[in-house]
Amino acid sequence: MARRVLDLSYQAAEAAGRILWDSAKVNNRGYIRASAALLRFVMHERGMSASPIVAAVFPSVYRELQQDSIPDFLSIVFLFMDWDRCKIARRDLAETLLSSKWRPRDIALA
């Protein structure tokens, strides 16, 4: 993320996504925090390799957005101008998907 570019192959991004999923079993709160930071980064990446990472991190962020109160670190991911935070997240995901090279299959699994 410090390099500001996702220069992984699709296969490497799939492996990173699997590692992220597995990390939730060890430290769920850390997984959620990492997911929020990564989602903010990969939502700006239009290349195909971003889609497996989005698939790995979007569900946990979305579940947190469904809660009555959300952690402060999630407010940096989406700009909430509406009371329905989940609607904003879904809309941003769909708009980014349409303007990217992401694999729809990955996003459908998210």
C-alpha atoms as a PDB file:
ATOM      1  CA  MET A   1       0.000   0.000   0.000  1.00  0.00           C
ATOM      2  CA  ALA A   2       2.908   2.344   0.625  1.00  0.00           C
ATOM      3  CA  ARG A   3       3.943   1.960  -3.015  1.00  0.00           C
ATOM      4  CA  ARG A   4       0.448   3.107  -4.072  1.00  0.00           C
ATOM      5  CA  VAL A   5       0.199   0.509  -6.822  1.00  0.00           C
ATOM      6  CA  LEU A   6      -0.976  -3.094  -6.791  1.00  0.00           C
ATOM      7  CA  ASP A   7       1.601  -4.831  -8.941  1.00  0.00           C
ATOM      8  CA  LEU A   8       0.722  -8.427  -8.105  1.00  0.00           C
ATOM      9  CA  SER A   9      -0.210 -11.117 -10.556  1.00  0.00           C
ATOM     10  CA  TYR A  10      -3.768 -12.390 -10.336  1.00  0.00           C
ATOM     11  CA  GLN A  11      -2.489 -15.641  -8.794  1.00  0.00           C
ATOM     12  CA  ALA A  12      -0.510 -13.751  -6.138  1.00  0.00           C
ATOM     13  CA  ALA A  13      -3.578 -11.658  -5.326  1.00  0.00           C
ATOM     14  CA  GLU A  14      -5.645 -14.857  -4.965  1.00  0.00           C
ATOM     15  CA  ALA A  15      -3.049 -16.207  -2.534  1.00  0.00           C
ATOM     16  CA  ALA A  16      -3.107 -12.931  -0.600  1.00  0.00           C
ATOM     17  CA  GLY A  17      -6.892 -13.143  -0.439  1.00  0.00           C
ATOM     18  CA  ARG A  18      -6.721 -16.672   0.974  1.00  0.00           C
ATOM     19  CA  ILE A  19      -4.192 -15.545   3.585  1.00  0.00           C
ATOM     20  CA  LEU A  20      -6.517 -12.704   4.562  1.00  0.00           C
ATOM     21  CA  TRP A  21      -9.474 -15.100   4.930  1.00  0.00           C
ATOM     22  CA  ASP A  22      -7.352 -17.407   7.084  1.00  0.00           C
ATOM     23  CA  SER A  23      -6.196 -14.525   9.282  1.00  0.00           C
ATOM     24  CA  ALA A  24      -9.780 -13.951  10.424  1.00  0.00           C
ATOM     25  CA  LYS A  25      -9.638 -17.260  12.298  1.00  0.00           C
ATOM     26  CA  VAL A  26      -6.575 -16.128  14.237  1.00  0.00           C
ATOM     27  CA  ASN A  27      -7.386 -12.452  14.866  1.00  0.00           C
ATOM     28  CA  ASN A  28     -10.796 -11.370  13.614  1.00  0.00           C
ATOM     29  CA  ARG A  29     -10.474  -7.766  14.809  1.00  0.00           C
ATOM     30  CA  GLY A  30      -7.105  -7.462  13.061  1.00  0.00           C
ATOM     31  CA  TYR A  31      -8.650  -8.957   9.918  1.00  0.00           C
ATOM     32  CA  ILE A  32     -11.407  -6.336   9.983  1.00  0.00           C
ATOM     33  CA  ARG A  33      -8.937  -3.478  10.463  1.00  0.00           C
ATOM     34  CA  ALA A  34      -6.700  -4.810   7.680  1.00  0.00           C
ATOM     35  CA  SER A  35      -9.751  -5.296   5.459  1.00  0.00           C
ATOM     36  CA  ALA A  36     -10.803  -1.679   5.918  1.00  0.00           C
ATOM     37  CA  ALA A  37      -7.332  -0.391   5.042  1.00  0.00           C
ATOM     38  CA  LEU A  38      -6.983  -2.716   2.056  1.00  0.00           C
ATOM     39  CA  LEU A  39     -10.475  -2.007   0.746  1.00  0.00           C
ATOM     40  CA  ARG A  40      -9.772   1.702   0.689  1.00  0.00           C
ATOM     41  CA  PHE A  41      -6.634   0.966  -1.346  1.00  0.00           C
ATOM     42  CA  VAL A  42      -8.019  -1.640  -3.775  1.00  0.00           C
ATOM     43  CA  MET A  43     -11.183   0.339  -4.537  1.00  0.00           C
ATOM     44  CA  HIS A  44      -8.867   2.684  -6.460  1.00  0.00           C
ATOM     45  CA  GLU A  45      -7.155  -0.152  -8.326  1.00  0.00           C
ATOM     46  CA  ARG A  46      -8.778  -0.991 -11.648  1.00  0.00           C
ATOM     47  CA  GLY A  47      -6.610  -3.964 -12.622  1.00  0.00           C
ATOM     48  CA  MET A  48      -7.786  -7.565 -12.540  1.00  0.00           C
ATOM     49  CA  SER A  49      -5.491  -8.478  -9.656  1.00  0.00           C
ATOM     50  CA  ALA A  50      -7.511  -6.287  -7.269  1.00  0.00           C
ATOM     51  CA  SER A  51     -10.664  -8.407  -7.556  1.00  0.00           C
ATOM     52  CA  PRO A  52      -9.602 -11.386  -5.376  1.00  0.00           C
ATOM     53  CA  ILE A  53      -8.490  -8.979  -2.669  1.00  0.00           C
ATOM     54  CA  VAL A  54     -11.787  -7.086  -2.863  1.00  0.00           C
ATOM     55  CA  ALA A  55     -13.569 -10.438  -2.578  1.00  0.00           C
ATOM     56  CA  ALA A  56     -11.582 -11.227   0.563  1.00  0.00           C
ATOM     57  CA  VAL A  57     -12.027  -7.893   2.337  1.00  0.00           C
ATOM     58  CA  PHE A  58     -15.396  -6.465   1.274  1.00  0.00           C
ATOM     59  CA  PRO A  59     -17.605  -8.940   3.207  1.00  0.00           C
ATOM     60  CA  SER A  60     -16.030  -8.166   6.579  1.00  0.00           C
ATOM     61  CA  VAL A  61     -16.255  -4.418   6.028  1.00  0.00           C
ATOM     62  CA  TYR A  62     -19.861  -4.769   4.852  1.00  0.00           C
ATOM     63  CA  ARG A  63     -20.791  -6.770   7.972  1.00  0.00           C
ATOM     64  CA  GLU A  64     -19.319  -4.035  10.149  1.00  0.00           C
ATOM     65  CA  LEU A  65     -21.292  -1.405   8.245  1.00  0.00           C
ATOM     66  CA  GLN A  66     -24.487  -3.283   9.109  1.00  0.00           C
ATOM     67  CA  GLN A  67     -23.897  -2.666  12.826  1.00  0.00           C
ATOM     68  CA  ASP A  68     -25.638   0.196  14.627  1.00  0.00           C
ATOM     69  CA  SER A  69     -22.327   1.854  15.425  1.00  0.00           C
ATOM     70  CA  ILE A  70     -19.230   1.412  13.326  1.00  0.00           C
ATOM     71  CA  PRO A  71     -15.567   1.721  14.298  1.00  0.00           C
ATOM     72  CA  ASP A  72     -13.927   5.033  13.374  1.00  0.00           C
ATOM     73  CA  PHE A  73     -11.465   3.346  11.029  1.00  0.00           C
ATOM     74  CA  LEU A  74     -14.326   2.359   8.704  1.00  0.00           C
ATOM     75  CA  SER A  75     -15.354   5.948   8.085  1.00  0.00           C
ATOM     76  CA  ILE A  76     -12.193   6.404   5.994  1.00  0.00           C
ATOM     77  CA  VAL A  77     -13.277   3.758   3.485  1.00  0.00           C
ATOM     78  CA  PHE A  78     -16.547   5.264   2.264  1.00  0.00           C
ATOM     79  CA  LEU A  79     -17.974   8.781   2.337  1.00  0.00           C
ATOM     80  CA  PHE A  80     -21.264   8.411   4.180  1.00  0.00           C
ATOM     81  CA  MET A  81     -23.701  11.071   3.028  1.00  0.00           C
ATOM     82  CA  ASP A  82     -26.748   8.820   3.485  1.00  0.00           C
ATOM     83  CA  TRP A  83     -28.140   6.985   6.491  1.00  0.00           C
ATOM     84  CA  ASP A  84     -27.859   3.660   4.640  1.00  0.00           C
ATOM     85  CA  ARG A  85     -24.132   2.908   4.874  1.00  0.00           C
ATOM     86  CA  CYS A  86     -24.532  -0.501   3.227  1.00  0.00           C
ATOM     87  CA  LYS A  87     -26.254   1.023   0.207  1.00  0.00           C
ATOM     88  CA  ILE A  88     -23.310   3.394  -0.253  1.00  0.00           C
ATOM     89  CA  ALA A  89     -20.831   0.517   0.013  1.00  0.00           C
ATOM     90  CA  ARG A  90     -22.764  -1.598  -2.519  1.00  0.00           C
ATOM     91  CA  ARG A  91     -23.083   1.334  -4.924  1.00  0.00           C
ATOM     92  CA  ASP A  92     -19.375   2.176  -4.707  1.00  0.00           C
ATOM     93  CA  LEU A  93     -18.478  -1.474  -5.273  1.00  0.00           C
ATOM     94  CA  ALA A  94     -20.786  -1.752  -8.310  1.00  0.00           C
ATOM     95  CA  GLU A  95     -19.563   1.518  -9.839  1.00  0.00           C
ATOM     96  CA  THR A  96     -15.942   0.521  -9.393  1.00  0.00           C
ATOM     97  CA  LEU A  97     -16.603  -2.931 -10.861  1.00  0.00           C
ATOM     98  CA  LEU A  98     -18.126  -1.386 -13.985  1.00  0.00           C
ATOM     99  CA  SER A  99     -15.107   0.844 -14.582  1.00  0.00           C
ATOM    100  CA  SER A 100     -12.477  -1.786 -13.829  1.00  0.00           C
ATOM    101  CA  LYS A 101     -11.041  -5.023 -15.166  1.00  0.00           C
ATOM    102  CA  TRP A 102     -12.129  -6.932 -12.062  1.00  0.00           C
ATOM    103  CA  ARG A 103     -13.510 -10.400 -12.580  1.00  0.00           C
ATOM    104  CA  PRO A 104     -17.261 -10.318 -11.906  1.00  0.00           C
ATOM    105  CA  ARG A 105     -17.011 -13.872 -10.557  1.00  0.00           C
ATOM    106  CA  ASP A 106     -14.754 -12.682  -7.723  1.00  0.00           C
ATOM    107  CA  ILE A 107     -17.058  -9.837  -6.813  1.00  0.00           C
ATOM    108  CA  ALA A 108     -20.155 -12.042  -6.976  1.00  0.00           C
ATOM    109  CA  LEU A 109     -18.515 -14.310  -4.404  1.00  0.00           C
ATOM    110  CA  ALA A 110     -17.879 -11.327  -2.126  1.00  0.00           C
END
